[in-house]
Amino acid sequence: MKEIFEKVKRASKSLALLTDQQRNDVLHAVADAIIQNKEKILAANAEDLAKMERSNPLYDRLMLTDQRLNDIAGDMRNVATLPTPLGHVTKQKTLPNGLRLCRVSVPFGVIGMIYEARPNVTYDVFSLCFKSGNACVLKGGRDADDSNRMAVSIIHDVLCQFDICPDVVTLLPATHEATGEMLNAVGYIDLCIPRGGRKLIDFVRDTARVPVIETGAGVVNTYFDKDGDLEMGKAIINNAKTRRVSVCNALDCLLVHIDRTDDLGHLVEPLAEKNVVIYADEQAYAALDGKYPLLEHATTESFGTEFMDYKLAIKTVGSLDEALAHIDKYGSGHSEAIITRDEQTARKFQAHVDAACVYWNAPTSFTDGAQFGLGAEIGISTQKLGPRGPMALEEITTYKWLIEGQGQTRP
């Protein structure tokens, strides 16, 4: 494994010699290759899907479709149109002794990515890393191994066509041992980013000897305030919960002001069409009993759970402060939302909630790099040191100081 890391580190140096136009040409070529090789990609993905039960919450994340491949290629082309994140002068000054200081953005070098059943991540990570001058070491899960290997094979073919060393994108074996080797590759991996469930993220944080940026699990809440608009709330809740249930920005818990429990049946009506099971606290259960078909009593485990499934917890609260206290206790710092027509209430909510993305009258499903206009995303950071929220090109660069003198010496 050390030899693999050495090759990637060595190949990463060659990326500095490429112009931004050359990088963009490669990204467009890979996007074209994705479309041209759809049948091969979908066949490999079918091999992975055949090994997973459809009832598994990860099945939707694992699945590639014709449209999803079109979207992946579109995101890659979009990344190619973005301004380069490299060579930006972020600070410059001349000291009293005449030394000229200039701080410029540069790549990290080699980025390690650990992820689960998400073959789209292979393409997203490549596009962002390549555009920002970083080599990448990919460690996917067993569930998506055929899909990931097909993706990297296609990328390698394009890189070779452009006389670029294919080692700048390296896929490790889908084993726990490979994960451990990556997390201990000091001197080779400059930054590691885990993207998956809480178990994976906790393991990486507790084990890694290389620098890590956490992309935390998404336990997402939405608060429907006493002054919330009913039709707006109905649309937002449905979109946040059912657009894609297996993604980290999907709604897990609906908080409803006690004055609006009579409106609960109307608020959640669209969820029944998608067979969403609701776990309701005592007051919400009483309000929905006989009005909602898939209703169960909530337990203590219902709150603070990232369902990644057609399941939703509902809790009634007596005030904004009670809603905020619930989010403080059960939220994961990912995305939270409030639905209200009262600006003062909304501003207090946004000021108090400690999360990477805090919404007012919009669904948390918008927490996404492409939706934020960043191109594809490499992950959504829930930590506070360094990047926070959707991470794209700017977040995977660092900087260095360039100093020019005229023979000055330090007294």
Protein backbone atom coordinates (compact mmCIF):
# COMPACT_ATOMS: atom_id res chain seq x y z
CA MET A 1 0.00 0.00 0.00
CA LYS A 2 2.92 2.34 0.70
CA GLU A 3 4.00 1.99 -2.94
CA ILE A 4 0.54 3.07 -4.06
CA PHE A 5 0.63 6.16 -1.86
CA GLU A 6 4.13 7.02 -3.10
CA LYS A 7 2.95 6.85 -6.73
CA VAL A 8 -0.01 9.12 -6.01
CA LYS A 9 2.17 11.63 -4.16
CA ARG A 10 4.66 11.69 -7.01
CA ALA A 11 1.92 12.02 -9.63
CA SER A 12 0.30 14.89 -7.71
CA LYS A 13 3.31 17.08 -8.48
CA SER A 14 2.62 16.82 -12.21
CA LEU A 15 -0.80 18.44 -11.79
CA ALA A 16 0.91 21.75 -11.03
CA LEU A 17 2.21 21.82 -14.61
CA LEU A 18 -1.27 21.77 -16.15
CA THR A 19 -3.06 24.92 -17.18
CA ASP A 20 -6.65 25.53 -16.16
CA GLN A 21 -7.68 25.09 -19.80
CA GLN A 22 -6.04 21.65 -19.87
CA ARG A 23 -7.89 20.67 -16.71
CA ASN A 24 -11.17 21.86 -18.20
CA ASP A 25 -10.56 19.93 -21.41
CA VAL A 26 -10.03 16.74 -19.41
CA LEU A 27 -13.22 17.29 -17.40
CA HIS A 28 -15.26 17.80 -20.57
CA ALA A 29 -13.70 14.66 -22.05
CA VAL A 30 -14.57 12.59 -18.97
CA ALA A 31 -18.13 13.96 -19.04
CA ASP A 32 -18.40 12.87 -22.68
CA ALA A 33 -16.97 9.45 -21.79
CA ILE A 34 -19.62 8.99 -19.09
CA ILE A 35 -22.37 9.49 -21.65
CA GLN A 36 -20.63 7.30 -24.24
CA ASN A 37 -20.15 4.47 -21.72
CA LYS A 38 -23.57 4.56 -20.06
CA GLU A 39 -24.33 0.93 -20.82
CA LYS A 40 -21.08 -0.28 -19.27
CA ILE A 41 -21.55 1.94 -16.20
CA LEU A 42 -25.14 0.84 -15.66
CA ALA A 43 -24.17 -2.81 -16.14
CA ALA A 44 -21.50 -2.53 -13.46
CA ASN A 45 -23.96 -0.73 -11.20
CA ALA A 46 -26.49 -3.51 -11.77
CA GLU A 47 -23.91 -5.98 -10.44
CA ASP A 48 -23.70 -3.96 -7.23
CA LEU A 49 -27.46 -3.51 -6.93
CA ALA A 50 -28.00 -7.27 -7.29
CA LYS A 51 -26.06 -7.79 -4.06
CA MET A 52 -28.22 -5.38 -2.02
CA GLU A 53 -31.81 -5.71 -0.83
CA ARG A 54 -34.15 -3.06 -2.22
CA SER A 55 -35.36 -2.42 1.32
CA ASN A 56 -31.87 -1.25 2.33
CA PRO A 57 -31.88 2.55 2.84
CA LEU A 58 -28.59 2.70 0.91
CA TYR A 59 -30.15 1.18 -2.21
CA ASP A 60 -31.24 4.55 -3.58
CA ARG A 61 -27.78 6.03 -2.97
CA LEU A 62 -26.17 3.10 -4.74
CA MET A 63 -28.42 3.18 -7.79
CA LEU A 64 -27.32 4.89 -10.99
CA THR A 65 -29.83 5.65 -13.72
CA ASP A 66 -29.67 7.16 -17.19
CA GLN A 67 -30.81 10.51 -15.78
CA ARG A 68 -28.39 10.39 -12.85
CA LEU A 69 -25.51 9.79 -15.24
CA ASN A 70 -26.66 12.75 -17.31
CA ASP A 71 -26.67 14.82 -14.12
CA ILE A 72 -23.20 13.59 -13.12
CA ALA A 73 -21.82 14.52 -16.55
CA GLY A 74 -23.60 17.88 -16.36
CA ASP A 75 -22.10 18.61 -12.94
CA MET A 76 -18.64 17.75 -14.27
CA ARG A 77 -19.07 20.13 -17.20
CA ASN A 78 -20.28 22.77 -14.78
CA VAL A 79 -17.15 22.37 -12.66
CA ALA A 80 -15.10 22.93 -15.82
CA THR A 81 -16.80 26.30 -16.34
CA LEU A 82 -16.03 27.54 -12.83
CA PRO A 83 -13.10 29.91 -12.21
CA THR A 84 -9.94 28.21 -11.08
CA PRO A 85 -9.49 28.25 -7.31
CA LEU A 86 -5.69 28.30 -7.71
CA GLY A 87 -3.30 31.23 -7.78
CA HIS A 88 -5.68 33.66 -6.10
CA VAL A 89 -3.89 36.38 -4.15
CA THR A 90 -5.74 36.50 -0.83
CA LYS A 91 -3.43 38.93 0.94
CA GLN A 92 -0.39 41.01 0.08
CA LYS A 93 1.63 43.75 1.74
CA THR A 94 5.09 45.28 1.97
CA LEU A 95 6.80 45.32 5.36
CA PRO A 96 8.70 48.37 6.66
CA ASN A 97 11.96 46.56 5.86
CA GLY A 98 10.95 46.26 2.21
CA LEU A 99 10.03 42.54 2.17
CA ARG A 100 7.05 41.91 -0.11
CA LEU A 101 4.58 39.29 1.15
CA CYS A 102 1.95 37.61 -0.98
CA ARG A 103 -0.47 34.86 0.09
CA VAL A 104 -1.77 32.67 -2.77
CA SER A 105 -4.15 29.72 -2.98
CA VAL A 106 -2.63 26.32 -3.78
CA PRO A 107 -3.79 22.66 -3.78
CA PHE A 108 -3.60 20.50 -0.66
CA GLY A 109 -1.75 17.91 -2.71
CA VAL A 110 -3.33 14.49 -2.13
CA ILE A 111 -6.87 14.17 -0.82
CA GLY A 112 -8.12 10.86 0.55
CA MET A 113 -11.85 10.18 0.30
CA ILE A 114 -13.64 7.44 2.22
CA TYR A 115 -17.26 6.82 1.27
CA GLU A 116 -19.92 4.16 1.25
CA ALA A 117 -22.51 3.11 -1.34
CA ARG A 118 -22.34 6.31 -3.40
CA PRO A 119 -20.80 5.76 -6.85
CA ASN A 120 -21.63 9.34 -7.86
CA VAL A 121 -19.06 10.49 -5.29
CA THR A 122 -16.30 8.92 -7.39
CA TYR A 123 -17.06 11.31 -10.25
CA ASP A 124 -17.69 14.33 -8.01
CA VAL A 125 -14.45 13.91 -6.09
CA PHE A 126 -12.43 13.45 -9.26
CA SER A 127 -13.86 16.58 -10.90
CA LEU A 128 -13.33 18.80 -7.88
CA CYS A 129 -9.88 17.45 -7.04
CA PHE A 130 -8.65 17.60 -10.62
CA LYS A 131 -9.97 21.14 -11.16
CA SER A 132 -8.24 22.28 -7.94
CA GLY A 133 -4.93 20.56 -8.76
CA ASN A 134 -5.26 17.79 -6.18
CA ALA A 135 -4.61 14.10 -6.68
CA CYS A 136 -7.13 11.84 -4.98
CA VAL A 137 -7.07 8.46 -3.28
CA LEU A 138 -10.53 6.91 -3.24
CA LYS A 139 -11.73 4.29 -0.77
CA GLY A 140 -15.26 3.23 -1.63
CA GLY A 141 -17.33 0.57 0.07
CA ARG A 142 -17.82 -3.02 -1.02
CA ASP A 143 -21.43 -2.28 -1.96
CA ALA A 144 -20.36 0.00 -4.83
CA ASP A 145 -17.05 -1.58 -5.82
CA ASP A 146 -18.01 -2.63 -9.36
CA SER A 147 -19.49 0.82 -10.05
CA ASN A 148 -16.46 2.61 -8.64
CA ARG A 149 -13.97 0.50 -10.57
CA MET A 150 -15.81 1.13 -13.83
CA ALA A 151 -15.81 4.88 -13.10
CA VAL A 152 -12.08 4.99 -12.37
CA SER A 153 -11.33 2.88 -15.44
CA ILE A 154 -13.16 5.39 -17.65
CA ILE A 155 -11.37 8.32 -15.98
CA HIS A 156 -7.99 6.61 -16.42
CA ASP A 157 -8.64 6.07 -20.13
CA VAL A 158 -9.28 9.78 -20.60
CA LEU A 159 -6.23 10.81 -18.54
CA CYS A 160 -4.01 8.56 -20.66
CA GLN A 161 -5.41 10.16 -23.82
CA PHE A 162 -4.15 13.50 -22.47
CA ASP A 163 -0.76 12.03 -21.41
CA ILE A 164 -1.57 12.57 -17.72
CA CYS A 165 -0.38 9.98 -15.21
CA PRO A 166 -3.48 7.99 -14.15
CA ASP A 167 -2.08 7.66 -10.63
CA VAL A 168 -3.58 11.09 -9.87
CA VAL A 169 -6.85 9.16 -9.34
CA THR A 170 -6.36 5.92 -7.43
CA LEU A 171 -9.03 3.58 -6.10
CA LEU A 172 -8.00 1.42 -3.15
CA PRO A 173 -9.35 -2.07 -2.47
CA ALA A 174 -12.76 -2.07 -0.78
CA THR A 175 -11.42 -3.50 2.48
CA HIS A 176 -11.23 -2.33 6.09
CA GLU A 177 -7.46 -2.81 5.93
CA ALA A 178 -7.20 -0.27 3.10
CA THR A 179 -9.16 2.23 5.19
CA GLY A 180 -6.71 1.80 8.05
CA GLU A 181 -3.72 2.23 5.74
CA MET A 182 -5.14 5.45 4.32
CA LEU A 183 -5.87 6.91 7.74
CA ASN A 184 -2.26 6.29 8.75
CA ALA A 185 -0.61 7.45 5.51
CA VAL A 186 1.25 10.33 7.15
CA GLY A 187 3.39 12.16 4.60
CA TYR A 188 1.32 10.88 1.67
CA ILE A 189 -2.31 11.87 2.35
CA ASP A 190 -2.56 15.60 3.02
CA LEU A 191 -6.25 15.59 3.91
CA CYS A 192 -8.85 12.88 4.47
CA ILE A 193 -12.60 13.40 4.07
CA PRO A 194 -15.07 10.72 5.21
CA ARG A 195 -18.51 10.79 3.62
CA GLY A 196 -21.10 8.42 5.05
CA GLY A 197 -23.03 7.49 8.16
CA ARG A 198 -22.24 8.27 11.77
CA LYS A 199 -20.43 4.96 12.32
CA LEU A 200 -17.97 5.62 9.48
CA ILE A 201 -17.36 9.23 10.47
CA ASP A 202 -16.77 8.37 14.12
CA PHE A 203 -14.31 5.64 13.12
CA VAL A 204 -12.34 7.97 10.87
CA ARG A 205 -12.21 10.76 13.46
CA ASP A 206 -11.10 8.38 16.22
CA THR A 207 -8.56 6.48 14.11
CA ALA A 208 -6.91 8.91 11.69
CA ARG A 209 -3.36 10.16 12.04
CA VAL A 210 -3.73 12.34 8.93
CA PRO A 211 -5.75 15.59 8.97
CA VAL A 212 -9.52 15.02 8.67
CA ILE A 213 -12.49 17.19 7.75
CA GLU A 214 -15.72 15.69 9.07
CA THR A 215 -18.75 15.57 6.80
CA GLY A 216 -21.21 14.74 9.53
CA ALA A 217 -24.37 12.71 9.48
CA GLY A 218 -27.50 14.74 8.87
CA VAL A 219 -30.10 14.59 11.64
CA VAL A 220 -32.37 17.26 10.16
CA ASN A 221 -35.25 19.10 11.85
CA THR A 222 -37.85 21.52 10.53
CA TYR A 223 -39.95 23.70 12.85
CA PHE A 224 -43.47 24.70 11.74
CA ASP A 225 -44.17 27.82 13.77
CA LYS A 226 -47.52 29.08 15.01
CA ASP A 227 -47.26 31.72 12.27
CA GLY A 228 -46.30 29.28 9.53
CA ASP A 229 -48.07 29.38 6.17
CA LEU A 230 -50.01 26.11 5.79
CA GLU A 231 -49.66 25.54 2.04
CA MET A 232 -46.01 26.61 2.04
CA GLY A 233 -45.32 24.29 4.96
CA LYS A 234 -47.06 21.38 3.24
CA ALA A 235 -44.86 21.77 0.15
CA ILE A 236 -41.63 22.31 2.09
CA ILE A 237 -42.14 19.32 4.39
CA ASN A 238 -43.00 17.01 1.50
CA ASN A 239 -39.96 18.11 -0.52
CA ALA A 240 -37.58 17.92 2.44
CA LYS A 241 -38.74 14.41 3.38
CA THR A 242 -39.51 12.64 0.12
CA ARG A 243 -37.37 14.19 -2.63
CA ARG A 244 -34.64 11.65 -1.81
CA VAL A 245 -34.94 9.96 1.56
CA SER A 246 -31.44 8.45 1.61
CA VAL A 247 -29.47 11.72 1.42
CA CYS A 248 -28.07 13.60 4.39
CA ASN A 249 -30.22 16.70 3.89
CA ALA A 250 -33.52 14.76 4.11
CA LEU A 251 -35.94 15.71 6.88
CA ASP A 252 -35.95 13.45 9.96
CA CYS A 253 -38.06 15.31 12.52
CA LEU A 254 -40.92 17.78 12.16
CA LEU A 255 -41.43 20.12 15.11
CA VAL A 256 -44.93 21.61 15.23
CA HIS A 257 -46.16 24.43 17.44
CA ILE A 258 -48.97 23.17 19.67
CA ASP A 259 -51.31 25.85 18.33
CA ARG A 260 -51.07 24.27 14.86
CA THR A 261 -51.73 20.62 15.68
CA ASP A 262 -55.16 20.89 14.06
CA ASP A 263 -53.34 21.55 10.78
CA LEU A 264 -51.09 18.51 11.07
CA GLY A 265 -53.28 16.27 8.94
CA HIS A 266 -53.12 18.73 6.07
CA LEU A 267 -49.39 19.39 6.52
CA VAL A 268 -48.41 15.74 6.19
CA GLU A 269 -51.11 14.68 3.72
CA PRO A 270 -48.68 14.32 0.74
CA LEU A 271 -46.43 12.01 2.78
CA ALA A 272 -49.09 9.30 2.83
CA GLU A 273 -48.86 9.02 -0.96
CA LYS A 274 -45.17 8.14 -0.55
CA ASN A 275 -45.88 5.66 2.28
CA VAL A 276 -43.97 7.63 4.88
CA VAL A 277 -44.30 6.11 8.35
CA ILE A 278 -44.82 8.79 11.00
CA TYR A 279 -43.63 8.35 14.58
CA ALA A 280 -45.68 10.91 16.50
CA ASP A 281 -45.50 12.06 20.10
CA GLU A 282 -48.67 11.90 22.20
CA GLN A 283 -50.23 15.18 21.07
CA ALA A 284 -49.32 14.74 17.41
CA TYR A 285 -50.62 11.18 17.50
CA ALA A 286 -53.98 12.36 18.85
CA ALA A 287 -54.17 14.99 16.11
CA LEU A 288 -53.39 12.47 13.33
CA ASP A 289 -55.24 9.42 14.64
CA GLY A 290 -57.76 8.42 12.00
CA LYS A 291 -56.41 11.02 9.55
CA TYR A 292 -53.06 9.49 8.61
CA PRO A 293 -52.74 5.80 7.64
CA LEU A 294 -49.13 5.00 8.61
CA LEU A 295 -49.05 6.26 12.18
CA GLU A 296 -47.06 4.92 15.12
CA HIS A 297 -46.24 6.16 18.60
CA ALA A 298 -42.84 7.83 18.92
CA THR A 299 -40.24 6.49 21.31
CA THR A 300 -37.15 8.17 22.73
CA GLU A 301 -35.17 6.65 19.82
CA SER A 302 -37.42 8.38 17.28
CA PHE A 303 -35.73 11.72 17.92
CA GLY A 304 -32.11 12.27 16.96
CA THR A 305 -32.25 9.45 14.39
CA GLU A 306 -31.10 9.87 10.79
CA PHE A 307 -33.69 7.61 9.16
CA MET A 308 -32.45 7.58 5.52
CA ASP A 309 -35.82 6.00 4.81
CA TYR A 310 -39.51 6.80 4.36
CA LYS A 311 -39.87 7.55 8.07
CA LEU A 312 -40.48 10.80 9.97
CA ALA A 313 -40.68 11.75 13.63
CA ILE A 314 -43.09 14.47 14.79
CA LYS A 315 -42.85 16.35 18.06
CA THR A 316 -45.14 19.12 19.31
CA VAL A 317 -43.59 22.11 21.07
CA GLY A 318 -45.12 24.96 23.01
CA SER A 319 -42.78 27.71 21.88
CA LEU A 320 -39.87 28.68 19.68
CA ASP A 321 -37.54 28.23 22.64
CA GLU A 322 -38.75 24.66 23.10
CA ALA A 323 -38.09 23.97 19.41
CA LEU A 324 -34.60 25.44 19.72
CA ALA A 325 -33.90 23.32 22.78
CA HIS A 326 -34.92 20.19 20.87
CA ILE A 327 -32.60 21.07 17.99
CA ASP A 328 -29.77 21.82 20.42
CA LYS A 329 -30.20 18.35 21.91
CA TYR A 330 -30.86 16.24 18.83
CA GLY A 331 -29.51 18.15 15.80
CA SER A 332 -26.22 17.18 14.17
CA GLY A 333 -25.16 20.64 13.01
CA HIS A 334 -26.01 19.86 9.38
CA SER A 335 -29.21 21.61 8.22
CA GLU A 336 -32.22 22.99 10.11
CA ALA A 337 -35.28 24.95 8.95
CA ILE A 338 -38.12 27.11 10.20
CA ILE A 339 -41.43 27.81 8.47
CA THR A 340 -42.95 31.09 9.65
CA ARG A 341 -44.31 34.41 8.40
CA ASP A 342 -42.90 36.22 11.43
CA GLU A 343 -39.52 37.74 10.57
CA GLN A 344 -38.50 38.32 14.19
CA THR A 345 -39.11 34.64 14.99
CA ALA A 346 -37.18 33.56 11.91
CA ARG A 347 -34.21 35.80 12.70
CA LYS A 348 -34.06 34.50 16.25
CA PHE A 349 -34.14 30.93 14.93
CA GLN A 350 -31.35 31.58 12.44
CA ALA A 351 -29.23 33.38 15.03
CA HIS A 352 -29.62 30.66 17.67
CA VAL A 353 -29.40 27.42 15.68
CA ASP A 354 -25.86 26.07 15.52
CA ALA A 355 -25.78 24.36 12.13
CA ALA A 356 -23.91 24.69 8.85
CA CYS A 357 -27.10 25.63 6.97
CA VAL A 358 -30.15 27.30 8.56
CA TYR A 359 -33.24 27.83 6.38
CA TRP A 360 -36.24 30.13 6.60
CA ASN A 361 -39.25 29.12 4.49
CA ALA A 362 -37.24 26.72 2.30
CA PRO A 363 -36.57 22.97 2.48
CA THR A 364 -33.27 21.54 3.69
CA SER A 365 -33.07 19.60 0.42
CA PHE A 366 -31.22 22.64 -0.98
CA THR A 367 -28.11 21.82 1.10
CA ASP A 368 -26.02 20.73 -1.84
CA GLY A 369 -22.95 22.12 -3.56
CA ALA A 370 -24.55 22.28 -6.99
CA GLN A 371 -27.67 23.98 -5.60
CA PHE A 372 -25.44 26.55 -3.88
CA GLY A 373 -23.80 27.31 -7.22
CA LEU A 374 -20.53 25.63 -6.23
CA GLY A 375 -20.58 22.95 -8.92
CA ALA A 376 -20.37 19.42 -7.53
CA GLU A 377 -19.56 18.94 -3.85
CA ILE A 378 -16.98 16.83 -2.12
CA GLY A 379 -19.02 16.72 1.08
CA ILE A 380 -20.93 18.79 3.61
CA SER A 381 -18.83 19.74 6.60
CA THR A 382 -20.52 20.00 10.01
CA GLN A 383 -17.39 21.05 11.86
CA LYS A 384 -16.38 24.62 12.62
CA LEU A 385 -12.61 24.54 12.16
CA GLY A 386 -12.02 25.12 8.46
CA PRO A 387 -14.77 24.59 5.89
CA ARG A 388 -18.43 24.45 6.98
CA GLY A 389 -21.42 23.41 4.89
CA PRO A 390 -21.12 22.29 1.23
CA MET A 391 -17.45 21.91 0.30
CA ALA A 392 -16.35 22.54 -3.26
CA LEU A 393 -13.31 23.97 -5.06
CA GLU A 394 -12.41 26.76 -2.66
CA GLU A 395 -12.68 24.48 0.38
CA ILE A 396 -10.14 21.95 -0.94
CA THR A 397 -7.35 24.47 -1.45
CA THR A 398 -4.96 25.88 1.09
CA TYR A 399 -2.44 28.72 0.69
CA LYS A 400 1.23 29.51 0.91
CA TRP A 401 3.18 32.73 1.46
CA LEU A 402 5.52 34.01 -1.23
CA ILE A 403 8.16 36.43 0.08
CA GLU A 404 10.40 38.62 -2.07
CA GLY A 405 13.41 40.43 -0.70
CA GLN A 406 16.40 42.41 -1.81
CA GLY A 407 19.01 40.95 0.48
CA GLN A 408 17.43 42.00 3.79
CA THR A 409 18.63 40.18 6.89
CA ARG A 410 16.89 39.87 10.23
CA PRO A 411 18.47 41.82 13.10
